[in-house]
Amino acid sequence: MNPFEMVVLIVAIVVIGRIFANRYRNRSPQDDAAAAAENARLRNEVQQLKDRVVTLERIAIDKRSRLADEIDALGRD
């Protein structure tokens, strides 16, 4: 790599770094409030989905144990 290419590469890295720094530094409070609201909504949705999964697991396990109980009851008759 010759010195000219190295200088161009360093300048490009610095420019890209500054662009990212300015993008994240200039966030408005509205952006933060919107992000917080979106996070709260998503957390609520995840909690609802977890509750639904627990219910579905309980139903699936209950059916299996009920079926096993019915089979055992048939064997006792």
N, C-alpha and C. Protein backbone atom coordinates (compact mmCIF):
# COMPACT_ATOMS: atom_id res chain seq x y z
N MET A 1 0.86 -1.16 0.00
CA MET A 1 0.00 0.00 0.00
C MET A 1 0.91 1.23 0.00
N ASN A 2 0.67 2.08 -0.96
CA ASN A 2 1.52 3.27 -1.02
C ASN A 2 0.98 4.35 -0.07
N PRO A 3 1.76 5.36 0.23
CA PRO A 3 1.36 6.39 1.19
C PRO A 3 0.07 7.13 0.80
N PHE A 4 -0.15 7.36 -0.49
CA PHE A 4 -1.36 8.05 -0.93
C PHE A 4 -2.61 7.23 -0.58
N GLU A 5 -2.57 5.93 -0.83
CA GLU A 5 -3.70 5.07 -0.51
C GLU A 5 -3.96 5.03 0.99
N MET A 6 -2.88 5.04 1.77
CA MET A 6 -3.01 5.01 3.22
C MET A 6 -3.69 6.29 3.71
N VAL A 7 -3.31 7.44 3.15
CA VAL A 7 -3.90 8.71 3.55
C VAL A 7 -5.39 8.73 3.19
N VAL A 8 -5.73 8.27 1.99
CA VAL A 8 -7.13 8.23 1.57
C VAL A 8 -7.93 7.32 2.49
N LEU A 9 -7.37 6.18 2.85
CA LEU A 9 -8.06 5.25 3.74
C LEU A 9 -8.28 5.86 5.12
N ILE A 10 -7.29 6.53 5.65
CA ILE A 10 -7.42 7.17 6.97
C ILE A 10 -8.48 8.26 6.93
N VAL A 11 -8.47 9.08 5.88
CA VAL A 11 -9.47 10.14 5.75
C VAL A 11 -10.87 9.53 5.65
N ALA A 12 -11.03 8.47 4.89
CA ALA A 12 -12.33 7.83 4.75
C ALA A 12 -12.82 7.28 6.09
N ILE A 13 -11.93 6.68 6.85
CA ILE A 13 -12.32 6.14 8.17
C ILE A 13 -12.74 7.27 9.10
N VAL A 14 -12.02 8.37 9.10
CA VAL A 14 -12.35 9.50 9.97
C VAL A 14 -13.69 10.10 9.57
N VAL A 15 -13.93 10.26 8.27
CA VAL A 15 -15.19 10.84 7.80
C VAL A 15 -16.37 9.94 8.18
N ILE A 16 -16.24 8.66 7.98
CA ILE A 16 -17.31 7.73 8.34
C ILE A 16 -17.56 7.74 9.84
N GLY A 17 -16.50 7.81 10.61
CA GLY A 17 -16.63 7.88 12.06
C GLY A 17 -17.36 9.13 12.51
N ARG A 18 -17.04 10.25 11.90
CA ARG A 18 -17.72 11.51 12.26
C ARG A 18 -19.20 11.47 11.86
N ILE A 19 -19.51 10.88 10.73
CA ILE A 19 -20.90 10.78 10.30
C ILE A 19 -21.71 9.99 11.32
N PHE A 20 -21.17 8.85 11.75
CA PHE A 20 -21.88 8.05 12.74
C PHE A 20 -21.98 8.78 14.08
N ALA A 21 -20.93 9.46 14.48
CA ALA A 21 -20.95 10.19 15.75
C ALA A 21 -22.00 11.29 15.72
N ASN A 22 -22.09 12.03 14.64
CA ASN A 22 -23.09 13.10 14.53
C ASN A 22 -24.50 12.54 14.48
N ARG A 23 -24.67 11.43 13.81
CA ARG A 23 -26.01 10.83 13.71
C ARG A 23 -26.54 10.45 15.08
N TYR A 24 -25.70 9.86 15.92
CA TYR A 24 -26.16 9.41 17.22
C TYR A 24 -26.12 10.50 18.28
N ARG A 25 -25.35 11.52 18.07
CA ARG A 25 -25.27 12.62 19.02
C ARG A 25 -26.45 13.56 18.86
N ASN A 26 -27.00 13.69 17.68
CA ASN A 26 -28.04 14.68 17.41
C ASN A 26 -29.44 14.10 17.50
N ARG A 27 -29.63 13.13 18.36
CA ARG A 27 -30.97 12.59 18.54
C ARG A 27 -31.79 13.54 19.39
N SER A 28 -33.04 13.72 19.03
CA SER A 28 -33.91 14.64 19.76
C SER A 28 -34.61 13.90 20.90
N PRO A 29 -35.11 14.65 21.87
CA PRO A 29 -35.88 14.01 22.95
C PRO A 29 -37.12 13.29 22.43
N GLN A 30 -37.68 13.78 21.33
CA GLN A 30 -38.83 13.10 20.74
C GLN A 30 -38.45 11.70 20.28
N ASP A 31 -37.24 11.58 19.70
CA ASP A 31 -36.78 10.26 19.27
C ASP A 31 -36.65 9.33 20.46
N ASP A 32 -36.11 9.86 21.57
CA ASP A 32 -35.95 9.04 22.77
C ASP A 32 -37.31 8.65 23.35
N ALA A 33 -38.27 9.58 23.33
CA ALA A 33 -39.60 9.28 23.85
C ALA A 33 -40.30 8.25 22.96
N ALA A 34 -40.14 8.41 21.66
CA ALA A 34 -40.75 7.45 20.74
C ALA A 34 -40.12 6.07 20.91
N ALA A 35 -38.82 6.03 21.09
CA ALA A 35 -38.13 4.76 21.28
C ALA A 35 -38.56 4.11 22.59
N ALA A 36 -38.73 4.92 23.64
CA ALA A 36 -39.17 4.38 24.93
C ALA A 36 -40.58 3.83 24.83
N ALA A 37 -41.45 4.53 24.11
CA ALA A 37 -42.82 4.06 23.94
C ALA A 37 -42.84 2.76 23.14
N GLU A 38 -42.04 2.70 22.09
CA GLU A 38 -41.97 1.50 21.27
C GLU A 38 -41.41 0.33 22.09
N ASN A 39 -40.40 0.59 22.91
CA ASN A 39 -39.85 -0.46 23.77
C ASN A 39 -40.89 -0.98 24.75
N ALA A 40 -41.66 -0.07 25.34
CA ALA A 40 -42.70 -0.49 26.29
C ALA A 40 -43.75 -1.33 25.58
N ARG A 41 -44.15 -0.92 24.37
CA ARG A 41 -45.14 -1.67 23.62
C ARG A 41 -44.62 -3.07 23.28
N LEU A 42 -43.36 -3.13 22.86
CA LEU A 42 -42.78 -4.43 22.50
C LEU A 42 -42.62 -5.33 23.73
N ARG A 43 -42.23 -4.75 24.86
CA ARG A 43 -42.11 -5.55 26.08
C ARG A 43 -43.46 -6.12 26.49
N ASN A 44 -44.51 -5.30 26.36
CA ASN A 44 -45.86 -5.76 26.68
C ASN A 44 -46.27 -6.90 25.75
N GLU A 45 -45.98 -6.74 24.48
CA GLU A 45 -46.33 -7.77 23.51
C GLU A 45 -45.58 -9.07 23.78
N VAL A 46 -44.31 -8.98 24.12
CA VAL A 46 -43.52 -10.17 24.44
C VAL A 46 -44.09 -10.86 25.68
N GLN A 47 -44.49 -10.07 26.68
CA GLN A 47 -45.06 -10.67 27.89
C GLN A 47 -46.37 -11.39 27.57
N GLN A 48 -47.20 -10.80 26.72
CA GLN A 48 -48.43 -11.44 26.32
C GLN A 48 -48.16 -12.75 25.58
N LEU A 49 -47.16 -12.74 24.71
CA LEU A 49 -46.81 -13.97 23.98
C LEU A 49 -46.28 -15.04 24.93
N LYS A 50 -45.50 -14.64 25.92
CA LYS A 50 -45.01 -15.61 26.90
C LYS A 50 -46.17 -16.23 27.66
N ASP A 51 -47.14 -15.40 28.04
CA ASP A 51 -48.31 -15.92 28.75
C ASP A 51 -49.08 -16.92 27.88
N ARG A 52 -49.20 -16.61 26.60
CA ARG A 52 -49.91 -17.51 25.69
C ARG A 52 -49.16 -18.83 25.54
N VAL A 53 -47.84 -18.78 25.47
CA VAL A 53 -47.05 -20.00 25.35
C VAL A 53 -47.22 -20.86 26.60
N VAL A 54 -47.22 -20.23 27.76
CA VAL A 54 -47.42 -20.99 29.00
C VAL A 54 -48.77 -21.69 28.98
N THR A 55 -49.79 -20.98 28.53
CA THR A 55 -51.12 -21.58 28.44
C THR A 55 -51.15 -22.74 27.46
N LEU A 56 -50.53 -22.56 26.30
CA LEU A 56 -50.49 -23.63 25.31
C LEU A 56 -49.71 -24.84 25.82
N GLU A 57 -48.60 -24.59 26.53
CA GLU A 57 -47.84 -25.71 27.10
C GLU A 57 -48.69 -26.46 28.12
N ARG A 58 -49.43 -25.71 28.94
CA ARG A 58 -50.27 -26.35 29.95
C ARG A 58 -51.34 -27.20 29.28
N ILE A 59 -51.94 -26.69 28.21
CA ILE A 59 -52.97 -27.44 27.50
C ILE A 59 -52.37 -28.71 26.89
N ALA A 60 -51.20 -28.58 26.27
CA ALA A 60 -50.56 -29.73 25.63
C ALA A 60 -50.20 -30.80 26.66
N ILE A 61 -49.66 -30.39 27.77
CA ILE A 61 -49.27 -31.35 28.82
C ILE A 61 -50.50 -31.95 29.46
N ASP A 62 -51.54 -31.14 29.67
CA ASP A 62 -52.77 -31.63 30.29
C ASP A 62 -53.43 -32.69 29.41
N LYS A 63 -53.44 -32.48 28.11
CA LYS A 63 -54.04 -33.46 27.20
C LYS A 63 -53.28 -34.78 27.25
N ARG A 64 -51.94 -34.69 27.30
CA ARG A 64 -51.15 -35.93 27.36
C ARG A 64 -51.42 -36.68 28.65
N SER A 65 -51.46 -35.98 29.78
CA SER A 65 -51.67 -36.68 31.05
C SER A 65 -53.10 -37.21 31.14
N ARG A 66 -54.05 -36.46 30.58
CA ARG A 66 -55.43 -36.92 30.58
C ARG A 66 -55.57 -38.18 29.72
N LEU A 67 -54.89 -38.19 28.58
CA LEU A 67 -54.93 -39.36 27.70
C LEU A 67 -54.31 -40.57 28.41
N ALA A 68 -53.20 -40.34 29.09
CA ALA A 68 -52.56 -41.44 29.83
C ALA A 68 -53.48 -41.96 30.92
N ASP A 69 -54.17 -41.06 31.62
CA ASP A 69 -55.12 -41.48 32.66
C ASP A 69 -56.27 -42.29 32.07
N GLU A 70 -56.77 -41.88 30.91
CA GLU A 70 -57.85 -42.61 30.27
C GLU A 70 -57.40 -44.01 29.84
N ILE A 71 -56.17 -44.10 29.32
CA ILE A 71 -55.64 -45.41 28.92
C ILE A 71 -55.47 -46.30 30.14
N ASP A 72 -54.96 -45.74 31.24
CA ASP A 72 -54.81 -46.53 32.47
C ASP A 72 -56.18 -46.99 32.99
N ALA A 73 -57.17 -46.12 32.90
CA ALA A 73 -58.51 -46.48 33.35
C ALA A 73 -59.09 -47.60 32.50
N LEU A 74 -58.80 -47.64 31.23
CA LEU A 74 -59.29 -48.72 30.36
C LEU A 74 -58.64 -50.04 30.76
N GLY A 75 -57.39 -50.00 31.17
CA GLY A 75 -56.68 -51.22 31.54
C GLY A 75 -57.19 -51.79 32.85
N ARG A 76 -57.75 -50.97 33.71
CA ARG A 76 -58.26 -51.42 35.00
C ARG A 76 -59.64 -52.05 34.90
N ASP A 77 -60.36 -51.77 33.85
CA ASP A 77 -61.73 -52.28 33.72
C ASP A 77 -61.77 -53.74 33.39
